[in-house]
Amino acid sequence: MAEMPERCFDVGIAEGHAVTFSAGLAAAGMIPFCNIYSS
C-alpha cells in the first residue's frame, strides 16, 4: 500500500465483498491476491 496505493484495496470488514470484488478484478484480467484471516 505504501509503494503502490492505487493497486491495493482495503474494503472494510466485509469478507464476502472482498472475495467477490477480487472475482470481478480477475474477470477483467487482473491477478488479485485476496488476504483474509482463515477464521
Full PDB file with SEQRES, HELIX, SHEET, SSBOND, CRYST1, ORIGX, SCALE, CONECT and MASTER records, all heavy atoms in Angstrom:
SEQRES   1 A   39  MET ALA GLU MET PRO GLU ARG CYS PHE ASP VAL GLY ILE          
SEQRES   2 A   39  ALA GLU GLY HIS ALA VAL THR PHE SER ALA GLY LEU ALA          
SEQRES   3 A   39  ALA ALA GLY MET ILE PRO PHE CYS ASN ILE TYR SER SER          
HELIX    1 AA1 PRO A    5  ARG A    7  5                                   3    
HELIX    2 AA2 GLU A   15  ALA A   27  1                                  13    
CRYST1    1.000    1.000    1.000  90.00  90.00  90.00 P 1           1          
ORIGX1      1.000000  0.000000  0.000000        0.00000                         
ORIGX2      0.000000  1.000000  0.000000        0.00000                         
ORIGX3      0.000000  0.000000  1.000000        0.00000                         
SCALE1      1.000000  0.000000  0.000000        0.00000                         
SCALE2      0.000000  1.000000  0.000000        0.00000                         
SCALE3      0.000000  0.000000  1.000000        0.00000                         
ATOM      1  N   MET A   1       0.823  -1.214   0.000  1.00  0.00           N  
ATOM      2  CA  MET A   1       0.000   0.000   0.000  1.00  0.00           C  
ATOM      3  C   MET A   1       0.853   1.257   0.000  1.00  0.00           C  
ATOM      4  O   MET A   1       0.519   2.259  -0.635  1.00  0.00           O  
ATOM      5  CB  MET A   1      -0.930   0.009   1.212  1.00  0.00           C  
ATOM      6  CG  MET A   1      -2.165  -0.842   1.073  1.00  0.00           C  
ATOM      7  SD  MET A   1      -3.231  -0.697   2.528  1.00  0.00           S  
ATOM      8  CE  MET A   1      -4.725  -1.480   1.908  1.00  0.00           C  
ATOM      9  N   ALA A   2       1.961   1.219   0.747  1.00  0.00           N  
ATOM     10  CA  ALA A   2       2.821   2.394   0.832  1.00  0.00           C  
ATOM     11  C   ALA A   2       3.483   2.692  -0.505  1.00  0.00           C  
ATOM     12  O   ALA A   2       3.669   3.860  -0.865  1.00  0.00           O  
ATOM     13  CB  ALA A   2       3.883   2.178   1.910  1.00  0.00           C  
ATOM     14  N   GLU A   3       3.838   1.671  -1.259  1.00  0.00           N  
ATOM     15  CA  GLU A   3       4.532   1.862  -2.535  1.00  0.00           C  
ATOM     16  C   GLU A   3       3.581   1.946  -3.715  1.00  0.00           C  
ATOM     17  O   GLU A   3       3.836   2.685  -4.680  1.00  0.00           O  
ATOM     18  CB  GLU A   3       5.531   0.721  -2.757  1.00  0.00           C  
ATOM     19  CG  GLU A   3       6.362   0.874  -4.009  1.00  0.00           C  
ATOM     20  CD  GLU A   3       7.470  -0.160  -4.097  1.00  0.00           C  
ATOM     21  OE1 GLU A   3       8.048  -0.526  -3.049  1.00  0.00           O  
ATOM     22  OE2 GLU A   3       7.777  -0.606  -5.226  1.00  0.00           O  
ATOM     23  N   MET A   4       2.472   1.215  -3.665  1.00  0.00           N  
ATOM     24  CA  MET A   4       1.534   1.148  -4.785  1.00  0.00           C  
ATOM     25  C   MET A   4       0.102   1.327  -4.290  1.00  0.00           C  
ATOM     26  O   MET A   4      -0.719   0.410  -4.377  1.00  0.00           O  
ATOM     27  CB  MET A   4       1.658  -0.203  -5.510  1.00  0.00           C  
ATOM     28  CG  MET A   4       3.048  -0.561  -5.944  1.00  0.00           C  
ATOM     29  SD  MET A   4       3.115  -2.252  -6.620  1.00  0.00           S  
ATOM     30  CE  MET A   4       4.851  -2.385  -7.044  1.00  0.00           C  
ATOM     31  N   PRO A   5      -0.241   2.475  -3.736  1.00  0.00           N  
ATOM     32  CA  PRO A   5      -1.582   2.646  -3.152  1.00  0.00           C  
ATOM     33  C   PRO A   5      -2.715   2.437  -4.139  1.00  0.00           C  
ATOM     34  O   PRO A   5      -3.805   2.005  -3.756  1.00  0.00           O  
ATOM     35  CB  PRO A   5      -1.550   4.084  -2.624  1.00  0.00           C  
ATOM     36  CG  PRO A   5      -0.463   4.759  -3.396  1.00  0.00           C  
ATOM     37  CD  PRO A   5       0.563   3.706  -3.655  1.00  0.00           C  
ATOM     38  N   GLU A   6      -2.466   2.707  -5.414  1.00  0.00           N  
ATOM     39  CA  GLU A   6      -3.528   2.566  -6.418  1.00  0.00           C  
ATOM     40  C   GLU A   6      -3.801   1.110  -6.759  1.00  0.00           C  
ATOM     41  O   GLU A   6      -4.804   0.814  -7.431  1.00  0.00           O  
ATOM     42  CB  GLU A   6      -3.148   3.339  -7.687  1.00  0.00           C  
ATOM     43  CG  GLU A   6      -2.075   2.699  -8.551  1.00  0.00           C  
ATOM     44  CD  GLU A   6      -0.653   2.818  -7.989  1.00  0.00           C  
ATOM     45  OE1 GLU A   6      -0.470   3.473  -6.938  1.00  0.00           O  
ATOM     46  OE2 GLU A   6       0.279   2.257  -8.609  1.00  0.00           O  
ATOM     47  N   ARG A   7      -2.971   0.190  -6.283  1.00  0.00           N  
ATOM     48  CA  ARG A   7      -3.144  -1.238  -6.589  1.00  0.00           C  
ATOM     49  C   ARG A   7      -3.481  -2.052  -5.350  1.00  0.00           C  
ATOM     50  O   ARG A   7      -3.409  -3.279  -5.379  1.00  0.00           O  
ATOM     51  CB  ARG A   7      -1.882  -1.782  -7.262  1.00  0.00           C  
ATOM     52  CG  ARG A   7      -1.689  -1.212  -8.668  1.00  0.00           C  
ATOM     53  CD  ARG A   7      -0.314  -1.521  -9.216  1.00  0.00           C  
ATOM     54  NE  ARG A   7      -0.069  -2.945  -9.335  1.00  0.00           N  
ATOM     55  CZ  ARG A   7       1.105  -3.453  -9.730  1.00  0.00           C  
ATOM     56  NH1 ARG A   7       2.108  -2.642 -10.038  1.00  0.00           N  
ATOM     57  NH2 ARG A   7       1.269  -4.763  -9.806  1.00  0.00           N  
ATOM     58  N   CYS A   8      -3.864  -1.379  -4.272  1.00  0.00           N  
ATOM     59  CA  CYS A   8      -4.269  -2.066  -3.042  1.00  0.00           C  
ATOM     60  C   CYS A   8      -5.623  -1.548  -2.603  1.00  0.00           C  
ATOM     61  O   CYS A   8      -5.908  -0.350  -2.708  1.00  0.00           O  
ATOM     62  CB  CYS A   8      -3.246  -1.844  -1.929  1.00  0.00           C  
ATOM     63  SG  CYS A   8      -1.645  -2.597  -2.243  1.00  0.00           S  
ATOM     64  N   PHE A   9      -6.451  -2.444  -2.079  1.00  0.00           N  
ATOM     65  CA  PHE A   9      -7.811  -2.080  -1.712  1.00  0.00           C  
ATOM     66  C   PHE A   9      -8.162  -2.657  -0.350  1.00  0.00           C  
ATOM     67  O   PHE A   9      -8.168  -3.872  -0.160  1.00  0.00           O  
ATOM     68  CB  PHE A   9      -8.809  -2.605  -2.758  1.00  0.00           C  
ATOM     69  CG  PHE A   9      -8.519  -2.133  -4.150  1.00  0.00           C  
ATOM     70  CD1 PHE A   9      -7.700  -2.875  -4.994  1.00  0.00           C  
ATOM     71  CD2 PHE A   9      -9.043  -0.938  -4.618  1.00  0.00           C  
ATOM     72  CE1 PHE A   9      -7.417  -2.447  -6.273  1.00  0.00           C  
ATOM     73  CE2 PHE A   9      -8.759  -0.491  -5.902  1.00  0.00           C  
ATOM     74  CZ  PHE A   9      -7.943  -1.248  -6.739  1.00  0.00           C  
ATOM     75  N   ASP A  10      -8.419  -1.765   0.596  1.00  0.00           N  
ATOM     76  CA  ASP A  10      -8.969  -2.159   1.891  1.00  0.00           C  
ATOM     77  C   ASP A  10     -10.470  -1.937   1.808  1.00  0.00           C  
ATOM     78  O   ASP A  10     -10.926  -0.794   1.711  1.00  0.00           O  
ATOM     79  CB  ASP A  10      -8.342  -1.319   3.004  1.00  0.00           C  
ATOM     80  CG  ASP A  10      -8.863  -1.684   4.389  1.00  0.00           C  
ATOM     81  OD1 ASP A  10      -9.801  -2.502   4.476  1.00  0.00           O  
ATOM     82  OD2 ASP A  10      -8.348  -1.128   5.378  1.00  0.00           O  
ATOM     83  N   VAL A  11     -11.259  -3.015   1.837  1.00  0.00           N  
ATOM     84  CA  VAL A  11     -12.698  -2.907   1.602  1.00  0.00           C  
ATOM     85  C   VAL A  11     -13.504  -2.835   2.898  1.00  0.00           C  
ATOM     86  O   VAL A  11     -14.727  -2.898   2.867  1.00  0.00           O  
ATOM     87  CB  VAL A  11     -13.205  -4.079   0.729  1.00  0.00           C  
ATOM     88  CG1 VAL A  11     -12.483  -4.096  -0.601  1.00  0.00           C  
ATOM     89  CG2 VAL A  11     -13.041  -5.408   1.452  1.00  0.00           C  
ATOM     90  N   GLY A  12     -12.810  -2.700   4.053  1.00  0.00           N  
ATOM     91  CA  GLY A  12     -13.527  -2.701   5.323  1.00  0.00           C  
ATOM     92  C   GLY A  12     -13.836  -4.131   5.759  1.00  0.00           C  
ATOM     93  O   GLY A  12     -13.503  -5.103   5.078  1.00  0.00           O  
ATOM     94  N   ILE A  13     -14.475  -4.247   6.920  1.00  0.00           N  
ATOM     95  CA  ILE A  13     -14.756  -5.575   7.465  1.00  0.00           C  
ATOM     96  C   ILE A  13     -15.915  -6.196   6.685  1.00  0.00           C  
ATOM     97  O   ILE A  13     -17.062  -6.208   7.115  1.00  0.00           O  
ATOM     98  CB  ILE A  13     -15.057  -5.491   8.969  1.00  0.00           C  
ATOM     99  CG1 ILE A  13     -13.889  -4.819   9.703  1.00  0.00           C  
ATOM    100  CG2 ILE A  13     -15.287  -6.887   9.554  1.00  0.00           C  
ATOM    101  CD1 ILE A  13     -14.102  -4.628  11.185  1.00  0.00           C  
ATOM    102  N   ALA A  14     -15.584  -6.678   5.494  1.00  0.00           N  
ATOM    103  CA  ALA A  14     -16.594  -7.201   4.571  1.00  0.00           C  
ATOM    104  C   ALA A  14     -15.954  -8.302   3.729  1.00  0.00           C  
ATOM    105  O   ALA A  14     -15.621  -8.113   2.560  1.00  0.00           O  
ATOM    106  CB  ALA A  14     -17.141  -6.078   3.687  1.00  0.00           C  
ATOM    107  N   GLU A  15     -15.764  -9.465   4.355  1.00  0.00           N  
ATOM    108  CA  GLU A  15     -15.012 -10.540   3.704  1.00  0.00           C  
ATOM    109  C   GLU A  15     -15.687 -11.056   2.440  1.00  0.00           C  
ATOM    110  O   GLU A  15     -15.014 -11.341   1.444  1.00  0.00           O  
ATOM    111  CB  GLU A  15     -14.796 -11.693   4.694  1.00  0.00           C  
ATOM    112  CG  GLU A  15     -13.838 -11.384   5.820  1.00  0.00           C  
ATOM    113  CD  GLU A  15     -14.456 -10.590   6.956  1.00  0.00           C  
ATOM    114  OE1 GLU A  15     -15.698 -10.360   6.922  1.00  0.00           O  
ATOM    115  OE2 GLU A  15     -13.722 -10.204   7.884  1.00  0.00           O  
ATOM    116  N   GLY A  16     -17.012 -11.195   2.468  1.00  0.00           N  
ATOM    117  CA  GLY A  16     -17.711 -11.654   1.278  1.00  0.00           C  
ATOM    118  C   GLY A  16     -17.491 -10.721   0.105  1.00  0.00           C  
ATOM    119  O   GLY A  16     -17.228 -11.151  -1.028  1.00  0.00           O  
ATOM    120  N   HIS A  17     -17.580  -9.423   0.374  1.00  0.00           N  
ATOM    121  CA  HIS A  17     -17.339  -8.441  -0.683  1.00  0.00           C  
ATOM    122  C   HIS A  17     -15.890  -8.500  -1.166  1.00  0.00           C  
ATOM    123  O   HIS A  17     -15.626  -8.361  -2.368  1.00  0.00           O  
ATOM    124  CB  HIS A  17     -17.664  -7.038  -0.176  1.00  0.00           C  
ATOM    125  CG  HIS A  17     -17.197  -5.940  -1.092  1.00  0.00           C  
ATOM    126  ND1 HIS A  17     -17.621  -5.840  -2.401  1.00  0.00           N  
ATOM    127  CD2 HIS A  17     -16.319  -4.922  -0.892  1.00  0.00           C  
ATOM    128  CE1 HIS A  17     -17.035  -4.789  -2.973  1.00  0.00           C  
ATOM    129  NE2 HIS A  17     -16.244  -4.235  -2.081  1.00  0.00           N  
ATOM    130  N   ALA A  18     -14.942  -8.716  -0.245  1.00  0.00           N  
ATOM    131  CA  ALA A  18     -13.528  -8.802  -0.634  1.00  0.00           C  
ATOM    132  C   ALA A  18     -13.324  -9.897  -1.671  1.00  0.00           C  
ATOM    133  O   ALA A  18     -12.614  -9.713  -2.669  1.00  0.00           O  
ATOM    134  CB  ALA A  18     -12.652  -9.051   0.592  1.00  0.00           C  
ATOM    135  N   VAL A  19     -13.963 -11.054  -1.459  1.00  0.00           N  
ATOM    136  CA  VAL A  19     -13.811 -12.170  -2.390  1.00  0.00           C  
ATOM    137  C   VAL A  19     -14.496 -11.873  -3.720  1.00  0.00           C  
ATOM    138  O   VAL A  19     -13.932 -12.092  -4.802  1.00  0.00           O  
ATOM    139  CB  VAL A  19     -14.361 -13.468  -1.763  1.00  0.00           C  
ATOM    140  CG1 VAL A  19     -14.425 -14.591  -2.800  1.00  0.00           C  
ATOM    141  CG2 VAL A  19     -13.505 -13.898  -0.579  1.00  0.00           C  
ATOM    142  N   THR A  20     -15.722 -11.352  -3.678  1.00  0.00           N  
ATOM    143  CA  THR A  20     -16.443 -11.079  -4.924  1.00  0.00           C  
ATOM    144  C   THR A  20     -15.807  -9.931  -5.691  1.00  0.00           C  
ATOM    145  O   THR A  20     -15.742  -9.951  -6.929  1.00  0.00           O  
ATOM    146  CB  THR A  20     -17.920 -10.777  -4.617  1.00  0.00           C  
ATOM    147  OG1 THR A  20     -18.514 -11.928  -4.016  1.00  0.00           O  
ATOM    148  CG2 THR A  20     -18.686 -10.443  -5.883  1.00  0.00           C  
ATOM    149  N   PHE A  21     -15.312  -8.920  -4.987  1.00  0.00           N  
ATOM    150  CA  PHE A  21     -14.568  -7.830  -5.624  1.00  0.00           C  
ATOM    151  C   PHE A  21     -13.324  -8.383  -6.324  1.00  0.00           C  
ATOM    152  O   PHE A  21     -13.002  -8.006  -7.453  1.00  0.00           O  
ATOM    153  CB  PHE A  21     -14.200  -6.795  -4.560  1.00  0.00           C  
ATOM    154  CG  PHE A  21     -13.377  -5.636  -5.059  1.00  0.00           C  
ATOM    155  CD1 PHE A  21     -13.737  -4.936  -6.191  1.00  0.00           C  
ATOM    156  CD2 PHE A  21     -12.239  -5.240  -4.370  1.00  0.00           C  
ATOM    157  CE1 PHE A  21     -12.984  -3.853  -6.638  1.00  0.00           C  
ATOM    158  CE2 PHE A  21     -11.485  -4.169  -4.799  1.00  0.00           C  
ATOM    159  CZ  PHE A  21     -11.847  -3.470  -5.946  1.00  0.00           C  
ATOM    160  N   SER A  22     -12.638  -9.330  -5.658  1.00  0.00           N  
ATOM    161  CA  SER A  22     -11.471  -9.969  -6.265  1.00  0.00           C  
ATOM    162  C   SER A  22     -11.868 -10.730  -7.519  1.00  0.00           C  
ATOM    163  O   SER A  22     -11.145 -10.720  -8.528  1.00  0.00           O  
ATOM    164  CB  SER A  22     -10.813 -10.925  -5.265  1.00  0.00           C  
ATOM    165  OG  SER A  22     -10.356 -10.227  -4.121  1.00  0.00           O  
ATOM    166  N   ALA A  23     -13.023 -11.389  -7.466  1.00  0.00           N  
ATOM    167  CA  ALA A  23     -13.507 -12.121  -8.633  1.00  0.00           C  
ATOM    168  C   ALA A  23     -13.756 -11.175  -9.807  1.00  0.00           C  
ATOM    169  O   ALA A  23     -13.429 -11.488 -10.959  1.00  0.00           O  
ATOM    170  CB  ALA A  23     -14.779 -12.884  -8.286  1.00  0.00           C  
ATOM    171  N   GLY A  24     -14.328 -10.021  -9.511  1.00  0.00           N  
ATOM    172  CA  GLY A  24     -14.560  -9.042 -10.567  1.00  0.00           C  
ATOM    173  C   GLY A  24     -13.261  -8.561 -11.194  1.00  0.00           C  
ATOM    174  O   GLY A  24     -13.155  -8.420 -12.421  1.00  0.00           O  
ATOM    175  N   LEU A  25     -12.266  -8.317 -10.358  1.00  0.00           N  
ATOM    176  CA  LEU A  25     -10.961  -7.899 -10.875  1.00  0.00           C  
ATOM    177  C   LEU A  25     -10.341  -9.003 -11.734  1.00  0.00           C  
ATOM    178  O   LEU A  25      -9.767  -8.728 -12.790  1.00  0.00           O  
ATOM    179  CB  LEU A  25     -10.031  -7.553  -9.707  1.00  0.00           C  
ATOM    180  CG  LEU A  25     -10.369  -6.280  -8.927  1.00  0.00           C  
ATOM    181  CD1 LEU A  25      -9.555  -6.206  -7.640  1.00  0.00           C  
ATOM    182  CD2 LEU A  25     -10.113  -5.046  -9.783  1.00  0.00           C  
ATOM    183  N   ALA A  26     -10.449 -10.248 -11.272  1.00  0.00           N  
ATOM    184  CA  ALA A  26      -9.886 -11.369 -12.030  1.00  0.00           C  
ATOM    185  C   ALA A  26     -10.595 -11.530 -13.371  1.00  0.00           C  
ATOM    186  O   ALA A  26      -9.960 -11.825 -14.392  1.00  0.00           O  
ATOM    187  CB  ALA A  26      -9.992 -12.653 -11.215  1.00  0.00           C  
ATOM    188  N   ALA A  27     -11.908 -11.333 -13.388  1.00  0.00           N  
ATOM    189  CA  ALA A  27     -12.666 -11.445 -14.634  1.00  0.00           C  
ATOM    190  C   ALA A  27     -12.223 -10.394 -15.645  1.00  0.00           C  
ATOM    191  O   ALA A  27     -12.363 -10.585 -16.859  1.00  0.00           O  
ATOM    192  CB  ALA A  27     -14.165 -11.316 -14.349  1.00  0.00           C  
ATOM    193  N   ALA A  28     -11.678  -9.279 -15.136  1.00  0.00           N  
ATOM    194  CA  ALA A  28     -11.211  -8.208 -16.013  1.00  0.00           C  
ATOM    195  C   ALA A  28      -9.726  -8.334 -16.343  1.00  0.00           C  
ATOM    196  O   ALA A  28      -9.137  -7.413 -16.908  1.00  0.00           O  
ATOM    197  CB  ALA A  28     -11.476  -6.851 -15.364  1.00  0.00           C  
ATOM    198  N   GLY A  29      -9.115  -9.459 -15.971  1.00  0.00           N  
ATOM    199  CA  GLY A  29      -7.741  -9.708 -16.364  1.00  0.00           C  
ATOM    200  C   GLY A  29      -6.685  -9.431 -15.324  1.00  0.00           C  
ATOM    201  O   GLY A  29      -5.495  -9.627 -15.581  1.00  0.00           O  
ATOM    202  N   MET A  30      -7.077  -8.978 -14.133  1.00  0.00           N  
ATOM    203  CA  MET A  30      -6.110  -8.751 -13.072  1.00  0.00           C  
ATOM    204  C   MET A  30      -5.823 -10.054 -12.328  1.00  0.00           C  
ATOM    205  O   MET A  30      -6.520 -11.052 -12.494  1.00  0.00           O  
ATOM    206  CB  MET A  30      -6.630  -7.692 -12.093  1.00  0.00           C  
ATOM    207  CG  MET A  30      -7.082  -6.402 -12.745  1.00  0.00           C  
ATOM    208  SD  MET A  30      -5.783  -5.591 -13.699  1.00  0.00           S  
ATOM    209  CE  MET A  30      -4.748  -4.946 -12.369  1.00  0.00           C  
ATOM    210  N   ILE A  31      -4.770 -10.043 -11.511  1.00  0.00           N  
ATOM    211  CA  ILE A  31      -4.451 -11.192 -10.658  1.00  0.00           C  
ATOM    212  C   ILE A  31      -4.520 -10.717  -9.212  1.00  0.00           C  
ATOM    213  O   ILE A  31      -3.534 -10.229  -8.656  1.00  0.00           O  
ATOM    214  CB  ILE A  31      -3.063 -11.770 -10.978  1.00  0.00           C  
ATOM    215  CG1 ILE A  31      -3.000 -12.202 -12.441  1.00  0.00           C  
ATOM    216  CG2 ILE A  31      -2.746 -12.954 -10.051  1.00  0.00           C  
ATOM    217  CD1 ILE A  31      -1.645 -12.722 -12.866  1.00  0.00           C  
ATOM    218  N   PRO A  32      -5.697 -10.837  -8.593  1.00  0.00           N  
ATOM    219  CA  PRO A  32      -5.865 -10.336  -7.225  1.00  0.00           C  
ATOM    220  C   PRO A  32      -5.370 -11.332  -6.183  1.00  0.00           C  
ATOM    221  O   PRO A  32      -5.654 -12.528  -6.257  1.00  0.00           O  
ATOM    222  CB  PRO A  32      -7.377 -10.130  -7.108  1.00  0.00           C  
ATOM    223  CG  PRO A  32      -7.957 -11.099  -8.075  1.00  0.00           C  
ATOM    224  CD  PRO A  32      -6.960 -11.260  -9.195  1.00  0.00           C  
ATOM    225  N   PHE A  33      -4.609 -10.823  -5.215  1.00  0.00           N  
ATOM    226  CA  PHE A  33      -4.246 -11.574  -4.018  1.00  0.00           C  
ATOM    227  C   PHE A  33      -5.164 -11.084  -2.904  1.00  0.00           C  
ATOM    228  O   PHE A  33      -5.024  -9.955  -2.423  1.00  0.00           O  
ATOM    229  CB  PHE A  33      -2.782 -11.341  -3.650  1.00  0.00           C  
ATOM    230  CG  PHE A  33      -1.813 -12.184  -4.425  1.00  0.00           C  
ATOM    231  CD1 PHE A  33      -1.577 -11.928  -5.776  1.00  0.00           C  
ATOM    232  CD2 PHE A  33      -1.136 -13.229  -3.818  1.00  0.00           C  
ATOM    233  CE1 PHE A  33      -0.681 -12.704  -6.505  1.00  0.00           C  
ATOM    234  CE2 PHE A  33      -0.233 -14.015  -4.531  1.00  0.00           C  
ATOM    235  CZ  PHE A  33      -0.006 -13.749  -5.882  1.00  0.00           C  
ATOM    236  N   CYS A  34      -6.123 -11.911  -2.528  1.00  0.00           N  
ATOM    237  CA  CYS A  34      -7.115 -11.551  -1.515  1.00  0.00           C  
ATOM    238  C   CYS A  34      -6.683 -12.169  -0.194  1.00  0.00           C  
ATOM    239  O   CYS A  34      -6.752 -13.385  -0.015  1.00  0.00           O  
ATOM    240  CB  CYS A  34      -8.498 -12.050  -1.930  1.00  0.00           C  
ATOM    241  SG  CYS A  34      -9.817 -11.615  -0.768  1.00  0.00           S  
ATOM    242  N   ASN A  35      -6.220 -11.331   0.737  1.00  0.00           N  
ATOM    243  CA  ASN A  35      -5.684 -11.822   2.002  1.00  0.00           C  
ATOM    244  C   ASN A  35      -6.725 -11.671   3.106  1.00  0.00           C  
ATOM    245  O   ASN A  35      -7.131 -10.561   3.438  1.00  0.00           O  
ATOM    246  CB  ASN A  35      -4.411 -11.063   2.367  1.00  0.00           C  
ATOM    247  CG  ASN A  35      -3.672 -11.717   3.518  1.00  0.00           C  
ATOM    248  OD1 ASN A  35      -4.205 -11.897   4.603  1.00  0.00           O  
ATOM    249  ND2 ASN A  35      -2.423 -12.068   3.276  1.00  0.00           N  
ATOM    250  N   ILE A  36      -7.154 -12.797   3.657  1.00  0.00           N  
ATOM    251  CA  ILE A  36      -8.166 -12.823   4.706  1.00  0.00           C  
ATOM    252  C   ILE A  36      -7.719 -13.803   5.780  1.00  0.00           C  
ATOM    253  O   ILE A  36      -7.211 -14.884   5.470  1.00  0.00           O  
ATOM    254  CB  ILE A  36      -9.544 -13.252   4.153  1.00  0.00           C  
ATOM    255  CG1 ILE A  36     -10.010 -12.278   3.059  1.00  0.00           C  
ATOM    256  CG2 ILE A  36     -10.588 -13.328   5.272  1.00  0.00           C  
ATOM    257  CD1 ILE A  36     -11.343 -12.664   2.425  1.00  0.00           C  
ATOM    258  N   TYR A  37      -7.880 -13.433   7.038  1.00  0.00           N  
ATOM    259  CA  TYR A  37      -7.581 -14.386   8.105  1.00  0.00           C  
ATOM    260  C   TYR A  37      -8.451 -15.628   7.915  1.00  0.00           C  
ATOM    261  O   TYR A  37      -9.638 -15.538   7.591  1.00  0.00           O  
ATOM    262  CB  TYR A  37      -7.866 -13.782   9.472  1.00  0.00           C  
ATOM    263  CG  TYR A  37      -6.885 -12.715   9.918  1.00  0.00           C  
ATOM    264  CD1 TYR A  37      -5.889 -12.221   9.068  1.00  0.00           C  
ATOM    265  CD2 TYR A  37      -6.957 -12.187  11.198  1.00  0.00           C  
ATOM    266  CE1 TYR A  37      -5.010 -11.252   9.485  1.00  0.00           C  
ATOM    267  CE2 TYR A  37      -6.070 -11.207  11.624  1.00  0.00           C  
ATOM    268  CZ  TYR A  37      -5.102 -10.734  10.767  1.00  0.00           C  
ATOM    269  OH  TYR A  37      -4.226  -9.771  11.182  1.00  0.00           O  
ATOM    270  N   SER A  38      -7.860 -16.792   8.170  1.00  0.00           N  
ATOM    271  CA  SER A  38      -8.551 -18.052   7.918  1.00  0.00           C  
ATOM    272  C   SER A  38      -9.922 -18.118   8.576  1.00  0.00           C  
ATOM    273  O   SER A  38     -10.911 -18.488   7.937  1.00  0.00           O  
ATOM    274  CB  SER A  38      -7.687 -19.228   8.414  1.00  0.00           C  
ATOM    275  OG  SER A  38      -8.411 -20.431   8.379  1.00  0.00           O  
ATOM    276  N   SER A  39     -10.009 -17.751   9.858  1.00  0.00           N  
ATOM    277  CA  SER A  39     -11.290 -17.872  10.559  1.00  0.00           C  
ATOM    278  C   SER A  39     -12.340 -16.934   9.981  1.00  0.00           C  
ATOM    279  O   SER A  39     -13.534 -17.232  10.020  1.00  0.00           O  
ATOM    280  CB  SER A  39     -11.113 -17.599  12.051  1.00  0.00           C  
ATOM    281  OG  SER A  39     -10.652 -16.276  12.262  1.00  0.00           O  
TER     282      SER A  39                                                      
MASTER        0    0    0    2    0    0    0    6  281    1    0    3          
END                                                                             
